[in-house]
N, C-alpha and C. Protein backbone atom coordinates (compact mmCIF):
# COMPACT_ATOMS: atom_id res chain seq x y z
N MET A 1 0.86 -1.16 0.06
CA MET A 1 0.00 0.01 0.04
C MET A 1 0.94 1.21 0.04
N SER A 2 0.70 2.10 -1.03
CA SER A 2 1.51 3.31 -1.10
C SER A 2 0.83 4.41 -1.83
N PHE A 3 0.95 5.63 -1.31
CA PHE A 3 0.47 6.82 -2.06
C PHE A 3 1.47 7.33 -3.06
N SER A 4 2.61 6.66 -3.13
CA SER A 4 3.69 7.15 -4.06
C SER A 4 3.29 7.10 -5.50
N GLU A 5 2.51 6.05 -5.91
CA GLU A 5 2.06 5.92 -7.26
C GLU A 5 0.88 6.85 -7.47
N LYS A 6 0.92 7.62 -8.58
CA LYS A 6 -0.08 8.57 -8.84
C LYS A 6 -0.84 8.15 -10.13
N PRO A 7 -1.96 7.49 -9.96
CA PRO A 7 -2.68 6.90 -11.02
C PRO A 7 -3.49 7.94 -11.82
N VAL A 8 -3.98 7.48 -12.99
CA VAL A 8 -5.04 8.17 -13.71
C VAL A 8 -6.29 7.27 -13.62
N LEU A 9 -7.34 7.90 -13.09
CA LEU A 9 -8.59 7.18 -12.87
C LEU A 9 -9.67 7.70 -13.76
N THR A 10 -10.30 6.87 -14.52
CA THR A 10 -11.25 7.34 -15.52
C THR A 10 -12.62 6.85 -15.23
N GLY A 11 -13.60 7.80 -15.33
CA GLY A 11 -14.94 7.49 -15.20
C GLY A 11 -15.72 7.90 -16.43
N GLU A 12 -17.06 7.87 -16.29
CA GLU A 12 -17.84 8.28 -17.50
C GLU A 12 -17.83 9.78 -17.71
N LYS A 13 -17.81 10.54 -16.64
CA LYS A 13 -17.81 11.98 -16.72
C LYS A 13 -16.53 12.73 -16.42
N THR A 14 -15.64 12.01 -15.67
CA THR A 14 -14.41 12.64 -15.23
C THR A 14 -13.17 11.79 -15.41
N VAL A 15 -12.06 12.42 -15.44
CA VAL A 15 -10.76 11.77 -15.34
C VAL A 15 -10.06 12.43 -14.24
N LEU A 16 -9.50 11.54 -13.31
CA LEU A 16 -8.63 12.13 -12.24
C LEU A 16 -7.21 11.82 -12.67
N ARG A 17 -6.37 12.82 -12.62
CA ARG A 17 -5.06 12.68 -13.14
C ARG A 17 -4.07 13.50 -12.21
N PRO A 18 -2.78 13.13 -12.28
CA PRO A 18 -1.86 13.89 -11.41
C PRO A 18 -1.77 15.37 -11.90
N PHE A 19 -1.48 16.21 -10.90
CA PHE A 19 -1.32 17.63 -11.24
C PHE A 19 0.07 17.91 -11.91
N THR A 20 0.16 18.95 -12.65
CA THR A 20 1.39 19.46 -13.20
C THR A 20 1.40 20.95 -12.90
N VAL A 21 2.59 21.55 -13.07
CA VAL A 21 2.76 23.02 -12.83
C VAL A 21 1.85 23.78 -13.81
N ASP A 22 1.53 23.20 -15.02
CA ASP A 22 0.68 23.83 -15.94
C ASP A 22 -0.76 24.04 -15.46
N ASP A 23 -1.09 23.38 -14.42
CA ASP A 23 -2.47 23.46 -13.87
C ASP A 23 -2.66 24.63 -12.94
N VAL A 24 -1.56 25.32 -12.60
CA VAL A 24 -1.59 26.41 -11.66
C VAL A 24 -2.56 27.53 -12.02
N PRO A 25 -2.54 28.11 -13.28
CA PRO A 25 -3.50 29.14 -13.55
C PRO A 25 -4.97 28.71 -13.34
N VAL A 26 -5.33 27.56 -13.75
CA VAL A 26 -6.77 27.09 -13.55
C VAL A 26 -7.09 26.91 -12.07
N MET A 27 -6.18 26.30 -11.31
CA MET A 27 -6.41 26.12 -9.86
C MET A 27 -6.42 27.47 -9.19
N ALA A 28 -5.63 28.38 -9.61
CA ALA A 28 -5.65 29.76 -9.01
C ALA A 28 -7.03 30.39 -9.16
N GLU A 29 -7.58 30.27 -10.43
CA GLU A 29 -8.90 30.77 -10.68
C GLU A 29 -10.02 30.02 -9.82
N ILE A 30 -9.92 28.75 -9.72
CA ILE A 30 -10.81 28.00 -8.91
C ILE A 30 -10.77 28.43 -7.43
N LEU A 31 -9.54 28.59 -6.92
CA LEU A 31 -9.36 28.93 -5.55
C LEU A 31 -9.70 30.35 -5.22
N ARG A 32 -9.99 31.17 -6.19
CA ARG A 32 -10.44 32.54 -5.95
C ARG A 32 -11.96 32.60 -5.92
N ASP A 33 -12.68 31.52 -6.32
CA ASP A 33 -14.12 31.48 -6.29
C ASP A 33 -14.66 31.59 -4.90
N PRO A 34 -15.51 32.60 -4.66
CA PRO A 34 -16.09 32.80 -3.29
C PRO A 34 -16.79 31.52 -2.71
N ASP A 35 -17.47 30.77 -3.52
CA ASP A 35 -18.14 29.59 -3.05
C ASP A 35 -17.12 28.51 -2.67
N VAL A 36 -16.03 28.33 -3.40
CA VAL A 36 -14.99 27.39 -3.08
C VAL A 36 -14.42 27.76 -1.72
N LEU A 37 -14.09 29.07 -1.55
CA LEU A 37 -13.48 29.51 -0.36
C LEU A 37 -14.40 29.28 0.84
N ARG A 38 -15.67 29.62 0.71
CA ARG A 38 -16.64 29.56 1.80
C ARG A 38 -16.89 28.06 2.16
N LEU A 39 -17.23 27.24 1.13
CA LEU A 39 -17.66 25.90 1.43
C LEU A 39 -16.53 24.97 1.91
N THR A 40 -15.25 25.34 1.65
CA THR A 40 -14.13 24.59 2.05
C THR A 40 -13.54 25.15 3.36
N GLY A 41 -14.03 26.29 3.72
CA GLY A 41 -13.44 26.90 4.96
C GLY A 41 -12.09 27.47 4.77
N SER A 42 -11.72 27.68 3.48
CA SER A 42 -10.35 28.24 3.19
C SER A 42 -10.23 29.67 3.56
N PRO A 43 -9.04 30.09 3.85
CA PRO A 43 -8.84 31.52 4.23
C PRO A 43 -9.14 32.37 3.01
N VAL A 44 -9.57 33.55 3.24
CA VAL A 44 -9.94 34.49 2.18
C VAL A 44 -8.67 35.00 1.47
N GLU A 45 -7.50 34.90 2.11
CA GLU A 45 -6.31 35.38 1.48
C GLU A 45 -6.05 34.73 0.17
N GLU A 46 -5.53 35.56 -0.75
CA GLU A 46 -5.18 35.08 -2.07
C GLU A 46 -4.00 34.12 -1.97
N PHE A 47 -4.15 32.98 -2.71
CA PHE A 47 -3.03 32.05 -2.79
C PHE A 47 -2.08 32.64 -3.84
N GLY A 48 -0.88 32.91 -3.48
CA GLY A 48 0.05 33.56 -4.42
C GLY A 48 0.48 32.56 -5.49
N ALA A 49 0.87 33.15 -6.71
CA ALA A 49 1.23 32.32 -7.82
C ALA A 49 2.43 31.39 -7.52
N GLU A 50 3.40 31.94 -6.81
CA GLU A 50 4.59 31.15 -6.53
C GLU A 50 4.24 30.00 -5.55
N ARG A 51 3.40 30.29 -4.58
CA ARG A 51 3.03 29.30 -3.59
C ARG A 51 2.23 28.17 -4.38
N LEU A 52 1.29 28.54 -5.27
CA LEU A 52 0.57 27.56 -5.99
C LEU A 52 1.45 26.77 -6.91
N ARG A 53 2.44 27.34 -7.58
CA ARG A 53 3.35 26.66 -8.39
C ARG A 53 4.11 25.60 -7.64
N GLN A 54 4.62 26.00 -6.40
CA GLN A 54 5.31 25.05 -5.60
C GLN A 54 4.42 23.91 -5.17
N TRP A 55 3.20 24.29 -4.76
CA TRP A 55 2.20 23.28 -4.23
C TRP A 55 1.88 22.24 -5.39
N TYR A 56 1.25 22.74 -6.46
CA TYR A 56 0.74 21.83 -7.50
C TYR A 56 1.96 21.20 -8.30
N GLY A 57 3.06 21.83 -8.35
CA GLY A 57 4.22 21.26 -9.00
C GLY A 57 4.84 20.17 -8.25
N SER A 58 4.54 20.05 -6.92
CA SER A 58 5.19 19.05 -6.08
C SER A 58 4.29 17.91 -5.68
N ARG A 59 3.03 17.90 -6.12
CA ARG A 59 2.05 16.90 -5.66
C ARG A 59 2.46 15.50 -6.10
N SER A 60 3.02 15.35 -7.27
CA SER A 60 3.42 14.03 -7.72
C SER A 60 4.57 13.45 -6.90
N GLU A 61 5.28 14.26 -6.16
CA GLU A 61 6.45 13.80 -5.34
C GLU A 61 6.10 13.41 -3.96
N GLN A 62 4.83 13.60 -3.56
CA GLN A 62 4.43 13.36 -2.14
C GLN A 62 4.04 11.91 -1.94
N PRO A 63 4.82 11.19 -1.08
CA PRO A 63 4.57 9.79 -0.86
C PRO A 63 3.44 9.49 0.11
N ASP A 64 3.04 10.50 0.88
CA ASP A 64 2.02 10.28 1.99
C ASP A 64 0.67 10.85 1.66
N ARG A 65 0.41 11.24 0.44
CA ARG A 65 -0.90 11.78 0.02
C ARG A 65 -1.06 11.62 -1.46
N LEU A 66 -2.31 11.64 -1.88
CA LEU A 66 -2.68 11.47 -3.30
C LEU A 66 -3.51 12.66 -3.73
N ASP A 67 -2.92 13.57 -4.52
CA ASP A 67 -3.65 14.78 -4.94
C ASP A 67 -3.87 14.61 -6.47
N LEU A 68 -5.07 14.55 -6.88
CA LEU A 68 -5.44 14.36 -8.37
C LEU A 68 -6.26 15.53 -8.84
N GLY A 69 -6.05 16.01 -10.08
CA GLY A 69 -6.89 16.96 -10.71
C GLY A 69 -8.14 16.31 -11.28
N VAL A 70 -9.29 16.96 -11.07
CA VAL A 70 -10.54 16.45 -11.66
C VAL A 70 -10.76 17.12 -12.96
N VAL A 71 -10.83 16.32 -14.06
CA VAL A 71 -10.96 16.85 -15.41
C VAL A 71 -12.35 16.43 -15.95
N ASP A 72 -13.09 17.37 -16.47
CA ASP A 72 -14.41 17.14 -17.13
C ASP A 72 -14.14 16.49 -18.47
N ARG A 73 -14.55 15.25 -18.62
CA ARG A 73 -14.31 14.51 -19.90
C ARG A 73 -14.94 15.20 -21.08
N ALA A 74 -16.13 15.81 -20.85
CA ALA A 74 -16.81 16.44 -22.01
C ALA A 74 -16.09 17.63 -22.57
N THR A 75 -15.27 18.31 -21.72
CA THR A 75 -14.62 19.52 -22.22
C THR A 75 -13.11 19.42 -22.17
N GLY A 76 -12.58 18.45 -21.42
CA GLY A 76 -11.22 18.37 -21.15
C GLY A 76 -10.62 19.32 -20.25
N GLU A 77 -11.48 20.05 -19.57
CA GLU A 77 -11.10 21.16 -18.69
C GLU A 77 -10.86 20.67 -17.22
N LEU A 78 -9.82 21.14 -16.58
CA LEU A 78 -9.58 20.92 -15.22
C LEU A 78 -10.58 21.70 -14.44
N VAL A 79 -11.36 21.04 -13.46
CA VAL A 79 -12.44 21.69 -12.77
C VAL A 79 -12.29 21.61 -11.29
N GLY A 80 -11.28 20.86 -10.83
CA GLY A 80 -11.17 20.78 -9.35
C GLY A 80 -10.09 19.77 -8.98
N GLU A 81 -10.18 19.28 -7.73
CA GLU A 81 -9.23 18.32 -7.19
C GLU A 81 -9.89 17.38 -6.23
N ALA A 82 -9.34 16.13 -6.19
CA ALA A 82 -9.75 15.09 -5.21
C ALA A 82 -8.45 14.64 -4.51
N VAL A 83 -8.50 14.48 -3.18
CA VAL A 83 -7.30 14.33 -2.37
C VAL A 83 -7.56 13.29 -1.29
N LEU A 84 -6.61 12.38 -1.15
CA LEU A 84 -6.49 11.45 0.00
C LEU A 84 -5.28 11.96 0.78
N PHE A 85 -5.40 12.24 2.05
CA PHE A 85 -4.34 12.78 2.88
C PHE A 85 -4.50 12.29 4.33
N GLU A 86 -3.57 12.76 5.20
CA GLU A 86 -3.56 12.31 6.62
C GLU A 86 -3.64 10.78 6.66
N TRP A 87 -2.72 10.22 5.93
CA TRP A 87 -2.68 8.75 5.83
C TRP A 87 -2.11 8.16 7.12
N ASP A 88 -2.85 7.26 7.67
CA ASP A 88 -2.43 6.52 8.84
C ASP A 88 -2.13 5.09 8.38
N THR A 89 -0.87 4.77 8.17
CA THR A 89 -0.51 3.46 7.54
C THR A 89 -0.89 2.31 8.49
N HIS A 90 -0.66 2.43 9.81
CA HIS A 90 -0.87 1.31 10.69
C HIS A 90 -2.33 0.97 10.76
N ASN A 91 -3.21 2.00 10.79
CA ASN A 91 -4.67 1.71 10.86
C ASN A 91 -5.40 1.70 9.56
N ARG A 92 -4.56 1.85 8.46
CA ARG A 92 -5.10 1.76 7.11
C ARG A 92 -6.27 2.69 6.84
N ASN A 93 -6.11 3.98 7.22
CA ASN A 93 -7.22 4.95 7.01
C ASN A 93 -6.52 6.23 6.54
N CYS A 94 -7.38 7.06 5.95
CA CYS A 94 -7.03 8.43 5.55
C CYS A 94 -8.21 9.35 5.52
N THR A 95 -7.93 10.56 5.27
CA THR A 95 -8.96 11.62 5.10
C THR A 95 -9.08 11.93 3.68
N PHE A 96 -10.28 12.31 3.24
CA PHE A 96 -10.57 12.64 1.86
C PHE A 96 -11.18 14.05 1.80
N ARG A 97 -10.86 14.69 0.69
CA ARG A 97 -11.52 15.97 0.36
C ARG A 97 -11.68 16.07 -1.17
N VAL A 98 -12.61 16.84 -1.57
CA VAL A 98 -12.78 17.16 -3.00
C VAL A 98 -13.29 18.56 -3.11
N LEU A 99 -12.89 19.26 -4.11
CA LEU A 99 -13.50 20.55 -4.46
C LEU A 99 -13.65 20.62 -5.95
N VAL A 100 -14.85 21.22 -6.27
CA VAL A 100 -15.08 21.41 -7.71
C VAL A 100 -15.44 22.88 -7.92
N GLY A 101 -14.80 23.49 -8.89
CA GLY A 101 -14.93 24.90 -9.18
C GLY A 101 -16.24 25.11 -9.96
N PRO A 102 -16.55 26.41 -10.25
CA PRO A 102 -17.88 26.75 -10.87
C PRO A 102 -18.11 26.05 -12.13
N ARG A 103 -17.08 25.78 -12.95
CA ARG A 103 -17.30 25.22 -14.31
C ARG A 103 -17.65 23.72 -14.24
N GLY A 104 -17.55 23.15 -13.14
CA GLY A 104 -17.75 21.69 -12.99
C GLY A 104 -18.92 21.36 -12.11
N ARG A 105 -19.65 22.37 -11.63
CA ARG A 105 -20.74 22.07 -10.68
C ARG A 105 -22.05 21.61 -11.35
N ASP A 106 -22.83 20.88 -10.47
CA ASP A 106 -24.21 20.55 -10.78
C ASP A 106 -24.36 19.55 -11.99
N ARG A 107 -23.33 18.74 -12.17
CA ARG A 107 -23.39 17.80 -13.28
C ARG A 107 -22.89 16.37 -12.82
N GLY A 108 -22.72 16.17 -11.49
CA GLY A 108 -22.29 14.91 -10.96
C GLY A 108 -20.84 14.67 -11.05
N LEU A 109 -20.08 15.67 -11.39
CA LEU A 109 -18.62 15.45 -11.52
C LEU A 109 -18.02 15.16 -10.12
N GLY A 110 -18.45 15.93 -9.12
CA GLY A 110 -17.91 15.74 -7.83
C GLY A 110 -18.27 14.34 -7.22
N THR A 111 -19.48 13.93 -7.46
CA THR A 111 -19.86 12.60 -6.99
C THR A 111 -19.04 11.51 -7.67
N GLU A 112 -18.85 11.63 -8.95
CA GLU A 112 -18.11 10.62 -9.66
C GLU A 112 -16.63 10.67 -9.26
N ALA A 113 -16.10 11.88 -9.11
CA ALA A 113 -14.66 12.00 -8.62
C ALA A 113 -14.52 11.31 -7.24
N THR A 114 -15.48 11.54 -6.41
CA THR A 114 -15.46 10.90 -5.04
C THR A 114 -15.48 9.43 -5.23
N ARG A 115 -16.32 8.87 -6.01
CA ARG A 115 -16.35 7.42 -6.20
C ARG A 115 -15.07 6.87 -6.78
N LEU A 116 -14.49 7.57 -7.70
CA LEU A 116 -13.24 7.06 -8.28
C LEU A 116 -12.12 7.01 -7.33
N ILE A 117 -11.87 8.07 -6.60
CA ILE A 117 -10.68 8.14 -5.74
C ILE A 117 -10.91 7.30 -4.44
N VAL A 118 -12.16 7.29 -3.95
CA VAL A 118 -12.40 6.40 -2.75
C VAL A 118 -12.41 4.92 -3.16
N GLY A 119 -12.87 4.66 -4.32
CA GLY A 119 -12.80 3.28 -4.87
C GLY A 119 -11.32 2.83 -4.98
N HIS A 120 -10.50 3.69 -5.48
CA HIS A 120 -9.00 3.44 -5.54
C HIS A 120 -8.45 3.20 -4.16
N ALA A 121 -8.89 3.98 -3.15
CA ALA A 121 -8.36 3.87 -1.82
C ALA A 121 -8.62 2.40 -1.29
N PHE A 122 -9.85 1.93 -1.54
CA PHE A 122 -10.22 0.61 -1.03
C PHE A 122 -9.79 -0.52 -1.97
N GLU A 123 -10.02 -0.46 -3.20
CA GLU A 123 -9.80 -1.50 -4.12
C GLU A 123 -8.34 -1.71 -4.51
N GLN A 124 -7.59 -0.62 -4.62
CA GLN A 124 -6.16 -0.72 -5.04
C GLN A 124 -5.17 -0.62 -3.88
N LEU A 125 -5.49 0.30 -2.95
CA LEU A 125 -4.55 0.60 -1.84
C LEU A 125 -4.86 -0.25 -0.54
N GLY A 126 -6.01 -0.92 -0.50
CA GLY A 126 -6.32 -1.69 0.65
C GLY A 126 -6.61 -1.00 1.94
N LEU A 127 -7.12 0.18 1.85
CA LEU A 127 -7.40 1.00 3.03
C LEU A 127 -8.68 0.39 3.68
N HIS A 128 -8.78 0.62 5.03
CA HIS A 128 -9.95 0.11 5.76
C HIS A 128 -11.00 1.20 5.97
N ARG A 129 -10.62 2.46 6.10
CA ARG A 129 -11.51 3.54 6.36
C ARG A 129 -11.11 4.83 5.66
N VAL A 130 -12.03 5.51 5.11
CA VAL A 130 -11.81 6.85 4.49
C VAL A 130 -12.89 7.77 5.15
N SER A 131 -12.36 8.89 5.72
CA SER A 131 -13.22 9.84 6.45
C SER A 131 -13.11 11.25 5.81
N LEU A 132 -14.06 12.06 6.21
CA LEU A 132 -14.06 13.44 5.79
C LEU A 132 -14.87 14.30 6.76
N HIS A 133 -14.77 15.57 6.61
CA HIS A 133 -15.78 16.42 7.33
C HIS A 133 -16.35 17.36 6.28
N VAL A 134 -17.62 17.75 6.53
CA VAL A 134 -18.31 18.65 5.63
C VAL A 134 -18.97 19.68 6.55
N PHE A 135 -18.88 21.00 6.19
CA PHE A 135 -19.48 22.03 6.95
C PHE A 135 -20.98 21.98 6.79
N ALA A 136 -21.66 22.41 7.86
CA ALA A 136 -23.11 22.28 7.96
C ALA A 136 -23.84 23.12 6.87
N PHE A 137 -23.14 24.20 6.42
CA PHE A 137 -23.73 25.09 5.35
C PHE A 137 -23.41 24.54 3.94
N ASN A 138 -23.01 23.28 3.79
CA ASN A 138 -22.73 22.74 2.48
C ASN A 138 -23.55 21.44 2.26
N PRO A 139 -24.90 21.52 2.19
CA PRO A 139 -25.65 20.35 2.03
C PRO A 139 -25.45 19.67 0.67
N ARG A 140 -25.10 20.46 -0.37
CA ARG A 140 -24.83 19.80 -1.70
C ARG A 140 -23.64 18.83 -1.60
N ALA A 141 -22.58 19.23 -0.93
CA ALA A 141 -21.49 18.26 -0.76
C ALA A 141 -21.92 17.09 0.09
N ARG A 142 -22.61 17.28 1.12
CA ARG A 142 -23.07 16.17 2.00
C ARG A 142 -23.86 15.19 1.18
N ARG A 143 -24.80 15.65 0.32
CA ARG A 143 -25.56 14.74 -0.53
C ARG A 143 -24.66 13.89 -1.45
N ALA A 144 -23.65 14.56 -2.05
CA ALA A 144 -22.74 13.89 -2.90
C ALA A 144 -21.97 12.79 -2.16
N TYR A 145 -21.56 13.12 -0.95
CA TYR A 145 -20.81 12.10 -0.12
C TYR A 145 -21.77 10.95 0.24
N GLU A 146 -22.95 11.22 0.59
CA GLU A 146 -23.96 10.18 0.93
C GLU A 146 -24.22 9.29 -0.29
N LYS A 147 -24.33 9.88 -1.51
CA LYS A 147 -24.62 9.10 -2.70
C LYS A 147 -23.38 8.21 -2.97
N ALA A 148 -22.19 8.53 -2.49
CA ALA A 148 -21.02 7.70 -2.70
C ALA A 148 -20.83 6.73 -1.49
N GLY A 149 -21.73 6.73 -0.54
CA GLY A 149 -21.65 5.75 0.51
C GLY A 149 -21.18 6.19 1.84
N PHE A 150 -20.81 7.51 1.98
CA PHE A 150 -20.37 8.00 3.28
C PHE A 150 -21.52 8.04 4.27
N VAL A 151 -21.25 7.76 5.57
CA VAL A 151 -22.26 7.78 6.60
C VAL A 151 -21.81 8.79 7.61
N ALA A 152 -22.78 9.59 8.05
CA ALA A 152 -22.52 10.60 9.13
C ALA A 152 -22.19 9.84 10.43
N GLU A 153 -21.16 10.28 11.11
CA GLU A 153 -20.75 9.71 12.35
C GLU A 153 -21.06 10.60 13.54
N GLY A 154 -21.05 11.92 13.35
CA GLY A 154 -21.25 12.83 14.40
C GLY A 154 -21.01 14.24 13.95
N VAL A 155 -21.16 15.14 14.85
CA VAL A 155 -21.04 16.61 14.60
C VAL A 155 -19.81 17.07 15.40
N GLU A 156 -18.96 17.82 14.68
CA GLU A 156 -17.86 18.54 15.29
C GLU A 156 -18.37 19.95 15.48
N ARG A 157 -18.61 20.29 16.72
CA ARG A 157 -19.32 21.57 17.00
C ARG A 157 -18.40 22.73 16.79
N GLN A 158 -18.96 23.73 16.14
CA GLN A 158 -18.29 25.08 16.05
C GLN A 158 -16.82 24.96 15.66
N THR A 159 -16.59 24.36 14.50
CA THR A 159 -15.19 24.21 14.07
C THR A 159 -14.68 25.32 13.17
N LEU A 160 -15.61 26.06 12.55
CA LEU A 160 -15.23 27.15 11.61
C LEU A 160 -15.90 28.44 11.98
N LEU A 161 -15.08 29.47 12.08
CA LEU A 161 -15.64 30.82 12.31
C LEU A 161 -15.80 31.49 10.91
N HIS A 162 -17.00 31.72 10.51
CA HIS A 162 -17.31 32.23 9.15
C HIS A 162 -18.19 33.43 9.30
N ASP A 163 -17.73 34.59 8.88
CA ASP A 163 -18.51 35.86 8.96
C ASP A 163 -19.06 36.06 10.33
N GLY A 164 -18.27 35.83 11.36
CA GLY A 164 -18.66 36.08 12.73
C GLY A 164 -19.60 35.01 13.37
N GLU A 165 -19.82 33.94 12.60
CA GLU A 165 -20.74 32.88 13.11
C GLU A 165 -19.92 31.52 13.12
N TRP A 166 -20.16 30.77 14.25
CA TRP A 166 -19.54 29.47 14.32
C TRP A 166 -20.30 28.43 13.55
N ILE A 167 -19.65 27.69 12.74
CA ILE A 167 -20.22 26.65 11.87
C ILE A 167 -19.82 25.23 12.29
N ASP A 168 -20.80 24.33 12.41
CA ASP A 168 -20.48 22.93 12.75
C ASP A 168 -19.97 22.22 11.52
N ALA A 169 -19.29 21.09 11.78
CA ALA A 169 -18.95 20.21 10.63
C ALA A 169 -19.44 18.81 10.97
N VAL A 170 -19.82 18.14 9.95
CA VAL A 170 -20.33 16.71 10.15
C VAL A 170 -19.18 15.83 9.71
N ARG A 171 -18.81 14.89 10.61
CA ARG A 171 -17.79 13.87 10.33
C ARG A 171 -18.45 12.73 9.70
N MET A 172 -17.93 12.28 8.51
CA MET A 172 -18.49 11.15 7.77
C MET A 172 -17.40 10.15 7.44
N SER A 173 -17.77 8.87 7.21
CA SER A 173 -16.77 7.96 6.76
C SER A 173 -17.44 6.79 6.00
N VAL A 174 -16.63 6.05 5.35
CA VAL A 174 -17.08 4.80 4.71
C VAL A 174 -16.02 3.79 4.97
N LEU A 175 -16.43 2.54 5.29
CA LEU A 175 -15.47 1.47 5.60
C LEU A 175 -15.36 0.47 4.47
N ALA A 176 -14.31 -0.21 4.49
CA ALA A 176 -13.96 -1.18 3.32
C ALA A 176 -15.05 -2.19 3.09
N HIS A 177 -15.68 -2.72 4.17
CA HIS A 177 -16.69 -3.74 4.03
C HIS A 177 -17.98 -3.12 3.40
N GLU A 178 -18.29 -1.82 3.77
CA GLU A 178 -19.39 -1.09 3.17
C GLU A 178 -19.22 -0.87 1.70
N TRP A 179 -17.95 -0.39 1.42
CA TRP A 179 -17.64 -0.15 0.02
C TRP A 179 -17.70 -1.40 -0.87
N ALA A 180 -17.22 -2.54 -0.29
CA ALA A 180 -17.28 -3.75 -1.05
C ALA A 180 -18.72 -4.17 -1.36
N ALA A 181 -19.65 -3.81 -0.45
CA ALA A 181 -21.06 -4.15 -0.67
C ALA A 181 -21.75 -3.29 -1.68
N HIS A 182 -21.35 -1.98 -1.73
CA HIS A 182 -22.04 -1.08 -2.67
C HIS A 182 -21.24 -0.35 -3.72
N ARG A 183 -19.89 -0.41 -3.62
CA ARG A 183 -19.05 0.21 -4.58
C ARG A 183 -19.38 1.71 -4.89
N GLY A 184 -19.80 2.44 -3.79
CA GLY A 184 -20.06 3.78 -4.01
C GLY A 184 -21.44 4.14 -4.43
N ARG A 185 -22.33 3.12 -4.44
CA ARG A 185 -23.70 3.27 -4.88
C ARG A 185 -24.62 2.66 -3.98
N PRO A 186 -24.76 3.12 -2.67
CA PRO A 186 -25.53 2.51 -1.68
C PRO A 186 -26.97 2.40 -1.93
N THR A 187 -27.52 3.28 -2.72
CA THR A 187 -29.00 3.29 -3.02
C THR A 187 -29.33 2.96 -4.45
N ALA A 188 -28.38 2.21 -5.11
CA ALA A 188 -28.58 1.83 -6.52
C ALA A 188 -29.69 0.86 -6.54
N PRO A 189 -30.52 0.94 -7.62
CA PRO A 189 -31.62 0.02 -7.72
C PRO A 189 -31.17 -1.43 -7.88
N SER A 190 -31.91 -2.37 -7.37
CA SER A 190 -31.56 -3.80 -7.47
C SER A 190 -31.71 -4.26 -8.90
N ALA A 191 -30.86 -5.19 -9.35
CA ALA A 191 -30.84 -5.72 -10.71
C ALA A 191 -31.87 -6.86 -10.82
């Protein structure tokens, strides 16, 4: 089991692929989007071009995390990222996050990207648990995670200070045996 290998994962709507430094201008635009900043709890500060070049230019060299760009197959455009990080090798678990910019929203790209990378975590890397947290004011993301088989475990109270208001986060996870049973489609119709 290793995050050193950076695969290309292909679905019907999306391709997840390793980042290159050429992705920096698109990711800079995505990371300036007010909805991306708010829904991910990211700081409002601008990510500098050099910082983004260093970050996205070095993702393929990171052995303890998997950062993949989300590409819309219909347009060939990079629309976001899907990431496995906080890897706990002994307990075979990690944390997951995904973000999709404005050009990739409301078409199921985030749900499919979630299924692709989480499927890779279980089916190729042999992980036991993948977890995430989603802020209470992001029901669209929570629905996407639930469609991919994540189950709410509890509430992390007042984890984000946003516009002077404390926002809760919901902790969610999916386990290997659950994934094996539904492959990211827990409510799929029976055949």
